[in-house]
Amino acid sequence: MPPQDPKEPDHQDHQLIPDATAEIKGIAKEGMKHPSTKPVLAGAAVGAVAGWILPVVGPIIGGVAGAGIVLYKRVRP
């Protein structure tokens, strides 16, 4: 295995699913008190509006995609 370049970030994508699962469980358990709830809901709203504007996507898929993007950004800053 070649030595790691110090300029390259460490990739820990192999733990993305457990980290996202823990974040979703925290959101479900704590509700609006959890620090990720409001940004994820805002992302879902923006995605729903974008999906409503785009004829192919639709607001449901847009909302899920928007929430997913924000959740990913919260788990992997």
PDB file of N, CA and C in Angstrom:
ATOM      1  N   MET A   1       0.844  -1.173   0.000  1.00  0.00           N
ATOM      2  CA  MET A   1       0.000   0.000   0.000  1.00  0.00           C
ATOM      3  C   MET A   1       0.894   1.242   0.000  1.00  0.00           C
ATOM      4  N   PRO A   2       0.661   2.184  -0.919  1.00  0.00           N
ATOM      5  CA  PRO A   2       1.503   3.381  -0.976  1.00  0.00           C
ATOM      6  C   PRO A   2       1.257   4.272   0.240  1.00  0.00           C
ATOM      7  N   PRO A   3       2.253   5.059   0.617  1.00  0.00           N
ATOM      8  CA  PRO A   3       2.056   5.960   1.763  1.00  0.00           C
ATOM      9  C   PRO A   3       1.011   7.020   1.440  1.00  0.00           C
ATOM     10  N   GLN A   4       0.288   7.418   2.486  1.00  0.00           N
ATOM     11  CA  GLN A   4      -0.767   8.410   2.283  1.00  0.00           C
ATOM     12  C   GLN A   4      -0.178   9.794   2.101  1.00  0.00           C
ATOM     13  N   ASP A   5      -0.762  10.529   1.194  1.00  0.00           N
ATOM     14  CA  ASP A   5      -0.372  11.915   0.973  1.00  0.00           C
ATOM     15  C   ASP A   5      -0.977  12.757   2.096  1.00  0.00           C
ATOM     16  N   PRO A   6      -0.184  13.560   2.804  1.00  0.00           N
ATOM     17  CA  PRO A   6      -0.746  14.350   3.907  1.00  0.00           C
ATOM     18  C   PRO A   6      -1.752  15.401   3.442  1.00  0.00           C
ATOM     19  N   LYS A   7      -1.759  15.722   2.147  1.00  0.00           N
ATOM     20  CA  LYS A   7      -2.710  16.699   1.620  1.00  0.00           C
ATOM     21  C   LYS A   7      -4.086  16.089   1.379  1.00  0.00           C
ATOM     22  N   GLU A   8      -4.141  14.764   1.260  1.00  0.00           N
ATOM     23  CA  GLU A   8      -5.406  14.085   0.999  1.00  0.00           C
ATOM     24  C   GLU A   8      -6.153  13.872   2.309  1.00  0.00           C
ATOM     25  N   PRO A   9      -7.455  14.130   2.332  1.00  0.00           N
ATOM     26  CA  PRO A   9      -8.218  13.881   3.567  1.00  0.00           C
ATOM     27  C   PRO A   9      -8.396  12.377   3.782  1.00  0.00           C
ATOM     28  N   ASP A  10      -8.528  12.002   5.042  1.00  0.00           N
ATOM     29  CA  ASP A  10      -8.813  10.606   5.358  1.00  0.00           C
ATOM     30  C   ASP A  10     -10.263  10.325   5.004  1.00  0.00           C
ATOM     31  N   HIS A  11     -10.472   9.309   4.202  1.00  0.00           N
ATOM     32  CA  HIS A  11     -11.822   8.943   3.806  1.00  0.00           C
ATOM     33  C   HIS A  11     -12.358   7.892   4.762  1.00  0.00           C
ATOM     34  N   GLN A  12     -13.472   8.189   5.368  1.00  0.00           N
ATOM     35  CA  GLN A  12     -14.085   7.272   6.316  1.00  0.00           C
ATOM     36  C   GLN A  12     -15.500   6.940   5.870  1.00  0.00           C
ATOM     37  N   ASP A  13     -15.689   6.816   4.567  1.00  0.00           N
ATOM     38  CA  ASP A  13     -17.020   6.556   4.048  1.00  0.00           C
ATOM     39  C   ASP A  13     -17.536   5.189   4.440  1.00  0.00           C
ATOM     40  N   HIS A  14     -16.649   4.293   4.868  1.00  0.00           N
ATOM     41  CA  HIS A  14     -17.108   2.976   5.251  1.00  0.00           C
ATOM     42  C   HIS A  14     -17.965   3.025   6.507  1.00  0.00           C
ATOM     43  N   GLN A  15     -17.951   4.141   7.236  1.00  0.00           N
ATOM     44  CA  GLN A  15     -18.769   4.288   8.431  1.00  0.00           C
ATOM     45  C   GLN A  15     -19.918   5.268   8.211  1.00  0.00           C
ATOM     46  N   LEU A  16     -20.240   5.554   6.974  1.00  0.00           N
ATOM     47  CA  LEU A  16     -21.298   6.512   6.674  1.00  0.00           C
ATOM     48  C   LEU A  16     -22.660   6.007   7.143  1.00  0.00           C
ATOM     49  N   ILE A  17     -22.984   4.756   6.856  1.00  0.00           N
ATOM     50  CA  ILE A  17     -24.296   4.213   7.214  1.00  0.00           C
ATOM     51  C   ILE A  17     -24.507   4.181   8.734  1.00  0.00           C
ATOM     52  N   PRO A  18     -23.559   3.668   9.523  1.00  0.00           N
ATOM     53  CA  PRO A  18     -23.781   3.694  10.974  1.00  0.00           C
ATOM     54  C   PRO A  18     -23.884   5.115  11.536  1.00  0.00           C
ATOM     55  N   ASP A  19     -23.083   6.041  11.012  1.00  0.00           N
ATOM     56  CA  ASP A  19     -23.152   7.423  11.489  1.00  0.00           C
ATOM     57  C   ASP A  19     -24.489   8.063  11.130  1.00  0.00           C
ATOM     58  N   ALA A  20     -24.955   7.848   9.906  1.00  0.00           N
ATOM     59  CA  ALA A  20     -26.244   8.406   9.491  1.00  0.00           C
ATOM     60  C   ALA A  20     -27.387   7.771  10.278  1.00  0.00           C
ATOM     61  N   THR A  21     -27.292   6.475  10.536  1.00  0.00           N
ATOM     62  CA  THR A  21     -28.324   5.800  11.325  1.00  0.00           C
ATOM     63  C   THR A  21     -28.393   6.371  12.735  1.00  0.00           C
ATOM     64  N   ALA A  22     -27.239   6.589  13.346  1.00  0.00           N
ATOM     65  CA  ALA A  22     -27.217   7.173  14.693  1.00  0.00           C
ATOM     66  C   ALA A  22     -27.797   8.581  14.686  1.00  0.00           C
ATOM     67  N   GLU A  23     -27.505   9.350  13.645  1.00  0.00           N
ATOM     68  CA  GLU A  23     -28.034  10.711  13.542  1.00  0.00           C
ATOM     69  C   GLU A  23     -29.560  10.689  13.369  1.00  0.00           C
ATOM     70  N   ILE A  24     -30.056   9.803  12.536  1.00  0.00           N
ATOM     71  CA  ILE A  24     -31.504   9.705  12.317  1.00  0.00           C
ATOM     72  C   ILE A  24     -32.204   9.250  13.588  1.00  0.00           C
ATOM     73  N   LYS A  25     -31.607   8.295  14.313  1.00  0.00           N
ATOM     74  CA  LYS A  25     -32.197   7.852  15.587  1.00  0.00           C
ATOM     75  C   LYS A  25     -32.223   8.991  16.600  1.00  0.00           C
ATOM     76  N   GLY A  26     -31.166   9.791  16.621  1.00  0.00           N
ATOM     77  CA  GLY A  26     -31.139  10.939  17.525  1.00  0.00           C
ATOM     78  C   GLY A  26     -32.205  11.958  17.179  1.00  0.00           C
ATOM     79  N   ILE A  27     -32.397  12.196  15.896  1.00  0.00           N
ATOM     80  CA  ILE A  27     -33.445  13.118  15.457  1.00  0.00           C
ATOM     81  C   ILE A  27     -34.820  12.571  15.843  1.00  0.00           C
ATOM     82  N   ALA A  28     -35.030  11.271  15.650  1.00  0.00           N
ATOM     83  CA  ALA A  28     -36.326  10.674  15.971  1.00  0.00           C
ATOM     84  C   ALA A  28     -36.588  10.688  17.477  1.00  0.00           C
ATOM     85  N   LYS A  29     -35.553  10.485  18.262  1.00  0.00           N
ATOM     86  CA  LYS A  29     -35.723  10.411  19.711  1.00  0.00           C
ATOM     87  C   LYS A  29     -35.903  11.789  20.334  1.00  0.00           C
ATOM     88  N   GLU A  30     -35.085  12.766  19.921  1.00  0.00           N
ATOM     89  CA  GLU A  30     -35.103  14.074  20.550  1.00  0.00           C
ATOM     90  C   GLU A  30     -36.035  15.072  19.870  1.00  0.00           C
ATOM     91  N   GLY A  31     -36.454  14.782  18.670  1.00  0.00           N
ATOM     92  CA  GLY A  31     -37.365  15.676  17.968  1.00  0.00           C
ATOM     93  C   GLY A  31     -36.719  17.014  17.656  1.00  0.00           C
ATOM     94  N   MET A  32     -37.424  18.086  17.912  1.00  0.00           N
ATOM     95  CA  MET A  32     -36.938  19.426  17.572  1.00  0.00           C
ATOM     96  C   MET A  32     -35.790  19.878  18.469  1.00  0.00           C
ATOM     97  N   LYS A  33     -35.516  19.172  19.554  1.00  0.00           N
ATOM     98  CA  LYS A  33     -34.399  19.530  20.429  1.00  0.00           C
ATOM     99  C   LYS A  33     -33.057  19.104  19.850  1.00  0.00           C
ATOM    100  N   HIS A  34     -33.071  18.188  18.895  1.00  0.00           N
ATOM    101  CA  HIS A  34     -31.822  17.708  18.299  1.00  0.00           C
ATOM    102  C   HIS A  34     -31.267  18.785  17.374  1.00  0.00           C
ATOM    103  N   PRO A  35     -29.951  19.021  17.406  1.00  0.00           N
ATOM    104  CA  PRO A  35     -29.389  20.111  16.586  1.00  0.00           C
ATOM    105  C   PRO A  35     -29.478  19.891  15.077  1.00  0.00           C
ATOM    106  N   SER A  36     -29.707  18.677  14.614  1.00  0.00           N
ATOM    107  CA  SER A  36     -29.785  18.423  13.171  1.00  0.00           C
ATOM    108  C   SER A  36     -31.207  18.503  12.626  1.00  0.00           C
ATOM    109  N   THR A  37     -32.200  18.556  13.484  1.00  0.00           N
ATOM    110  CA  THR A  37     -33.583  18.488  13.021  1.00  0.00           C
ATOM    111  C   THR A  37     -33.952  19.673  12.136  1.00  0.00           C
ATOM    112  N   LYS A  38     -33.691  20.874  12.598  1.00  0.00           N
ATOM    113  CA  LYS A  38     -34.096  22.063  11.841  1.00  0.00           C
ATOM    114  C   LYS A  38     -33.380  22.181  10.500  1.00  0.00           C
ATOM    115  N   PRO A  39     -32.058  21.951  10.427  1.00  0.00           N
ATOM    116  CA  PRO A  39     -31.417  22.016   9.106  1.00  0.00           C
ATOM    117  C   PRO A  39     -31.925  20.944   8.137  1.00  0.00           C
ATOM    118  N   VAL A  40     -32.197  19.742   8.640  1.00  0.00           N
ATOM    119  CA  VAL A  40     -32.687  18.673   7.765  1.00  0.00           C
ATOM    120  C   VAL A  40     -34.093  19.003   7.270  1.00  0.00           C
ATOM    121  N   LEU A  41     -34.929  19.540   8.144  1.00  0.00           N
ATOM    122  CA  LEU A  41     -36.276  19.939   7.706  1.00  0.00           C
ATOM    123  C   LEU A  41     -36.217  21.085   6.709  1.00  0.00           C
ATOM    124  N   ALA A  42     -35.299  22.021   6.908  1.00  0.00           N
ATOM    125  CA  ALA A  42     -35.145  23.118   5.952  1.00  0.00           C
ATOM    126  C   ALA A  42     -34.671  22.586   4.597  1.00  0.00           C
ATOM    127  N   GLY A  43     -33.760  21.631   4.622  1.00  0.00           N
ATOM    128  CA  GLY A  43     -33.307  21.014   3.377  1.00  0.00           C
ATOM    129  C   GLY A  43     -34.427  20.284   2.664  1.00  0.00           C
ATOM    130  N   ALA A  44     -35.285  19.619   3.438  1.00  0.00           N
ATOM    131  CA  ALA A  44     -36.433  18.936   2.843  1.00  0.00           C
ATOM    132  C   ALA A  44     -37.387  19.944   2.202  1.00  0.00           C
ATOM    133  N   ALA A  45     -37.586  21.080   2.861  1.00  0.00           N
ATOM    134  CA  ALA A  45     -38.483  22.102   2.304  1.00  0.00           C
ATOM    135  C   ALA A  45     -37.911  22.692   1.014  1.00  0.00           C
ATOM    136  N   VAL A  46     -36.631  22.978   1.011  1.00  0.00           N
ATOM    137  CA  VAL A  46     -36.004  23.519  -0.196  1.00  0.00           C
ATOM    138  C   VAL A  46     -36.064  22.494  -1.325  1.00  0.00           C
ATOM    139  N   GLY A  47     -35.797  21.237  -1.002  1.00  0.00           N
ATOM    140  CA  GLY A  47     -35.870  20.187  -2.014  1.00  0.00           C
ATOM    141  C   GLY A  47     -37.275  20.001  -2.554  1.00  0.00           C
ATOM    142  N   ALA A  48     -38.287  20.130  -1.674  1.00  0.00           N
ATOM    143  CA  ALA A  48     -39.667  19.990  -2.126  1.00  0.00           C
ATOM    144  C   ALA A  48     -40.054  21.125  -3.076  1.00  0.00           C
ATOM    145  N   VAL A  49     -39.610  22.330  -2.758  1.00  0.00           N
ATOM    146  CA  VAL A  49     -39.902  23.465  -3.642  1.00  0.00           C
ATOM    147  C   VAL A  49     -39.193  23.280  -4.978  1.00  0.00           C
ATOM    148  N   ALA A  50     -37.941  22.850  -4.931  1.00  0.00           N
ATOM    149  CA  ALA A  50     -37.213  22.615  -6.177  1.00  0.00           C
ATOM    150  C   ALA A  50     -37.863  21.492  -6.980  1.00  0.00           C
ATOM    151  N   GLY A  51     -38.326  20.456  -6.297  1.00  0.00           N
ATOM    152  CA  GLY A  51     -39.008  19.359  -6.986  1.00  0.00           C
ATOM    153  C   GLY A  51     -40.344  19.784  -7.559  1.00  0.00           C
ATOM    154  N   TRP A  52     -41.004  20.710  -6.913  1.00  0.00           N
ATOM    155  CA  TRP A  52     -42.284  21.208  -7.412  1.00  0.00           C
ATOM    156  C   TRP A  52     -42.071  22.016  -8.693  1.00  0.00           C
ATOM    157  N   ILE A  53     -40.932  22.722  -8.755  1.00  0.00           N
ATOM    158  CA  ILE A  53     -40.626  23.526  -9.939  1.00  0.00           C
ATOM    159  C   ILE A  53     -40.202  22.635 -11.108  1.00  0.00           C
ATOM    160  N   LEU A  54     -39.407  21.619 -10.824  1.00  0.00           N
ATOM    161  CA  LEU A  54     -38.931  20.716 -11.874  1.00  0.00           C
ATOM    162  C   LEU A  54     -40.021  19.695 -12.199  1.00  0.00           C
ATOM    163  N   PRO A  55     -40.413  19.569 -13.451  1.00  0.00           N
ATOM    164  CA  PRO A  55     -41.545  18.708 -13.785  1.00  0.00           C
ATOM    165  C   PRO A  55     -41.255  17.211 -13.641  1.00  0.00           C
ATOM    166  N   VAL A  56     -40.023  16.794 -13.736  1.00  0.00           N
ATOM    167  CA  VAL A  56     -39.701  15.368 -13.713  1.00  0.00           C
ATOM    168  C   VAL A  56     -39.598  14.837 -12.291  1.00  0.00           C
ATOM    169  N   VAL A  57     -39.107  15.651 -11.359  1.00  0.00           N
ATOM    170  CA  VAL A  57     -38.763  15.167 -10.027  1.00  0.00           C
ATOM    171  C   VAL A  57     -39.989  15.054  -9.126  1.00  0.00           C
ATOM    172  N   GLY A  58     -40.694  16.115  -8.907  1.00  0.00           N
ATOM    173  CA  GLY A  58     -41.838  16.117  -8.012  1.00  0.00           C
ATOM    174  C   GLY A  58     -41.430  16.508  -6.602  1.00  0.00           C
ATOM    175  N   PRO A  59     -42.373  17.010  -5.822  1.00  0.00           N
ATOM    176  CA  PRO A  59     -42.034  17.536  -4.490  1.00  0.00           C
ATOM    177  C   PRO A  59     -41.644  16.451  -3.485  1.00  0.00           C
ATOM    178  N   ILE A  60     -42.178  15.259  -3.596  1.00  0.00           N
ATOM    179  CA  ILE A  60     -41.840  14.212  -2.625  1.00  0.00           C
ATOM    180  C   ILE A  60     -40.390  13.769  -2.801  1.00  0.00           C
ATOM    181  N   ILE A  61     -40.022  13.467  -4.019  1.00  0.00           N
ATOM    182  CA  ILE A  61     -38.644  13.047  -4.282  1.00  0.00           C
ATOM    183  C   ILE A  61     -37.680  14.201  -4.005  1.00  0.00           C
ATOM    184  N   GLY A  62     -38.077  15.408  -4.355  1.00  0.00           N
ATOM    185  CA  GLY A  62     -37.242  16.571  -4.076  1.00  0.00           C
ATOM    186  C   GLY A  62     -37.047  16.786  -2.584  1.00  0.00           C
ATOM    187  N   GLY A  63     -38.095  16.596  -1.798  1.00  0.00           N
ATOM    188  CA  GLY A  63     -37.988  16.740  -0.344  1.00  0.00           C
ATOM    189  C   GLY A  63     -37.085  15.692   0.266  1.00  0.00           C
ATOM    190  N   VAL A  64     -37.221  14.465  -0.178  1.00  0.00           N
ATOM    191  CA  VAL A  64     -36.360  13.388   0.326  1.00  0.00           C
ATOM    192  C   VAL A  64     -34.910  13.648  -0.068  1.00  0.00           C
ATOM    193  N   ALA A  65     -34.700  14.083  -1.305  1.00  0.00           N
ATOM    194  CA  ALA A  65     -33.338  14.370  -1.757  1.00  0.00           C
ATOM    195  C   ALA A  65     -32.736  15.539  -0.983  1.00  0.00           C
ATOM    196  N   GLY A  66     -33.513  16.580  -0.769  1.00  0.00           N
ATOM    197  CA  GLY A  66     -33.014  17.735  -0.012  1.00  0.00           C
ATOM    198  C   GLY A  66     -32.657  17.372   1.417  1.00  0.00           C
ATOM    199  N   ALA A  67     -33.504  16.590   2.067  1.00  0.00           N
ATOM    200  CA  ALA A  67     -33.211  16.147   3.429  1.00  0.00           C
ATOM    201  C   ALA A  67     -31.979  15.246   3.451  1.00  0.00           C
ATOM    202  N   GLY A  68     -31.854  14.388   2.454  1.00  0.00           N
ATOM    203  CA  GLY A  68     -30.704  13.495   2.387  1.00  0.00           C
ATOM    204  C   GLY A  68     -29.400  14.239   2.195  1.00  0.00           C
ATOM    205  N   ILE A  69     -29.413  15.265   1.370  1.00  0.00           N
ATOM    206  CA  ILE A  69     -28.201  16.054   1.138  1.00  0.00           C
ATOM    207  C   ILE A  69     -27.771  16.763   2.414  1.00  0.00           C
ATOM    208  N   VAL A  70     -28.717  17.376   3.105  1.00  0.00           N
ATOM    209  CA  VAL A  70     -28.371  18.087   4.331  1.00  0.00           C
ATOM    210  C   VAL A  70     -27.912  17.105   5.410  1.00  0.00           C
ATOM    211  N   LEU A  71     -28.569  15.948   5.493  1.00  0.00           N
ATOM    212  CA  LEU A  71     -28.148  14.949   6.477  1.00  0.00           C
ATOM    213  C   LEU A  71     -26.733  14.475   6.174  1.00  0.00           C
ATOM    214  N   TYR A  72     -26.420  14.258   4.912  1.00  0.00           N
ATOM    215  CA  TYR A  72     -25.062  13.852   4.528  1.00  0.00           C
ATOM    216  C   TYR A  72     -24.055  14.925   4.919  1.00  0.00           C
ATOM    217  N   LYS A  73     -24.394  16.183   4.694  1.00  0.00           N
ATOM    218  CA  LYS A  73     -23.487  17.272   5.053  1.00  0.00           C
ATOM    219  C   LYS A  73     -23.308  17.359   6.570  1.00  0.00           C
ATOM    220  N   ARG A  74     -24.342  16.994   7.336  1.00  0.00           N
ATOM    221  CA  ARG A  74     -24.221  17.007   8.794  1.00  0.00           C
ATOM    222  C   ARG A  74     -23.346  15.856   9.286  1.00  0.00           C
ATOM    223  N   VAL A  75     -23.440  14.709   8.640  1.00  0.00           N
ATOM    224  CA  VAL A  75     -22.661  13.545   9.059  1.00  0.00           C
ATOM    225  C   VAL A  75     -21.227  13.649   8.571  1.00  0.00           C
ATOM    226  N   ARG A  76     -21.031  14.128   7.359  1.00  0.00           N
ATOM    227  CA  ARG A  76     -19.694  14.269   6.754  1.00  0.00           C
ATOM    228  C   ARG A  76     -19.432  15.737   6.419  1.00  0.00           C
ATOM    229  N   PRO A  77     -18.995  16.522   7.406  1.00  0.00           N
ATOM    230  CA  PRO A  77     -18.768  17.957   7.134  1.00  0.00           C
ATOM    231  C   PRO A  77     -17.603  18.208   6.212  1.00  0.00           C
TER     232      PRO A  77
END
